[in-house]
Amino acid sequence: MLVLTRRAGEGIIIGDDVKVTILESQDGKIRIGIEAPRDRKIYRQEVYDRICRENREASQWDAEKRDILEAVLLKKEAGN
């Protein structure tokens, strides 16, 4: 882990296309600005962690659950 000390108005560059700027520090909170290409995905850590957890849970479906869901969907389609 790289640890840096920055003041308001200072920043860092990540790669060739991401710039992180410290906007202000007040009451123990730091506001940052991130400049990056629109196709770069940028998440708050807690959001990213939730996405990863939900993806893991979704990938752990067993065949029995999949078969039950498929049967329910087929029955619903047959009723239309």
Protein backbone atom coordinates (compact mmCIF):
# COMPACT_ATOMS: atom_id res chain seq x y z
CA MET A 1 0.00 0.00 0.00
CA LEU A 2 1.28 3.41 -0.94
CA VAL A 3 0.68 5.98 1.81
CA LEU A 4 0.80 9.67 0.89
CA THR A 5 0.16 12.93 2.67
CA ARG A 6 -1.75 15.45 0.58
CA ARG A 7 -3.30 18.84 1.29
CA ALA A 8 -6.39 20.43 -0.20
CA GLY A 9 -5.76 21.22 -3.85
CA GLU A 10 -3.08 18.55 -4.19
CA GLY A 11 -3.63 15.24 -5.90
CA ILE A 12 -2.24 12.05 -7.34
CA ILE A 13 -2.28 10.48 -10.79
CA ILE A 14 -3.13 6.80 -11.26
CA GLY A 15 -1.98 5.40 -14.58
CA ASP A 16 -2.30 7.79 -17.48
CA ASP A 17 -5.98 8.59 -17.14
CA VAL A 18 -7.11 8.88 -13.51
CA LYS A 19 -6.53 11.96 -11.36
CA VAL A 20 -7.53 12.10 -7.68
CA THR A 21 -7.61 15.56 -6.08
CA ILE A 22 -8.07 16.41 -2.41
CA LEU A 23 -10.82 19.03 -2.36
CA GLU A 24 -11.08 19.72 1.36
CA SER A 25 -10.48 18.26 4.80
CA GLN A 26 -12.85 19.24 7.59
CA ASP A 27 -14.04 17.67 10.84
CA GLY A 28 -12.17 14.43 10.18
CA LYS A 29 -13.71 14.02 6.72
CA ILE A 30 -11.92 14.36 3.42
CA ARG A 31 -13.63 15.27 0.14
CA ILE A 32 -11.93 14.00 -2.96
CA GLY A 33 -12.55 14.55 -6.66
CA ILE A 34 -11.84 11.89 -9.26
CA GLU A 35 -11.28 12.62 -12.93
CA ALA A 36 -11.41 9.48 -15.07
CA PRO A 37 -12.71 8.34 -18.45
CA ARG A 38 -16.44 7.59 -18.42
CA ASP A 39 -15.82 3.92 -19.21
CA ARG A 40 -13.86 3.49 -15.94
CA LYS A 41 -15.98 2.05 -13.14
CA ILE A 42 -15.45 3.88 -9.86
CA TYR A 43 -17.20 2.67 -6.71
CA ARG A 44 -17.17 3.56 -3.04
CA GLN A 45 -15.54 0.64 -1.19
CA GLU A 46 -18.75 -0.43 0.59
CA VAL A 47 -20.67 -0.50 -2.71
CA TYR A 48 -17.93 -2.52 -4.42
CA ASP A 49 -17.85 -4.99 -1.50
CA ARG A 50 -21.64 -5.44 -1.73
CA ILE A 51 -21.46 -6.04 -5.50
CA CYS A 52 -18.77 -8.67 -4.99
CA ARG A 53 -20.73 -10.38 -2.20
CA GLU A 54 -23.94 -10.46 -4.26
CA ASN A 55 -22.06 -11.82 -7.29
CA ARG A 56 -20.54 -14.60 -5.14
CA GLU A 57 -23.96 -15.48 -3.73
CA ALA A 58 -25.54 -15.51 -7.19
CA SER A 59 -22.83 -17.81 -8.53
CA GLN A 60 -23.43 -20.35 -5.76
CA TRP A 61 -26.88 -21.41 -6.91
CA ASP A 62 -27.07 -25.16 -7.00
CA ALA A 63 -28.69 -27.18 -9.78
CA GLU A 64 -31.77 -27.98 -7.69
CA LYS A 65 -32.60 -24.29 -7.14
CA ARG A 66 -32.03 -23.59 -10.83
CA ASP A 67 -34.35 -26.44 -11.81
CA ILE A 68 -37.09 -25.19 -9.45
CA LEU A 69 -36.84 -21.67 -10.86
CA GLU A 70 -36.90 -22.99 -14.42
CA ALA A 71 -40.01 -25.05 -13.68
CA VAL A 72 -41.79 -22.03 -12.18
CA LEU A 73 -40.91 -19.89 -15.19
CA LEU A 74 -42.00 -22.56 -17.67
CA LYS A 75 -45.31 -23.00 -15.82
CA LYS A 76 -45.84 -19.23 -15.89
CA GLU A 77 -45.13 -19.11 -19.65
CA ALA A 78 -47.48 -22.02 -20.29
CA GLY A 79 -50.26 -20.14 -18.47
CA ASN A 80 -49.99 -17.15 -20.85
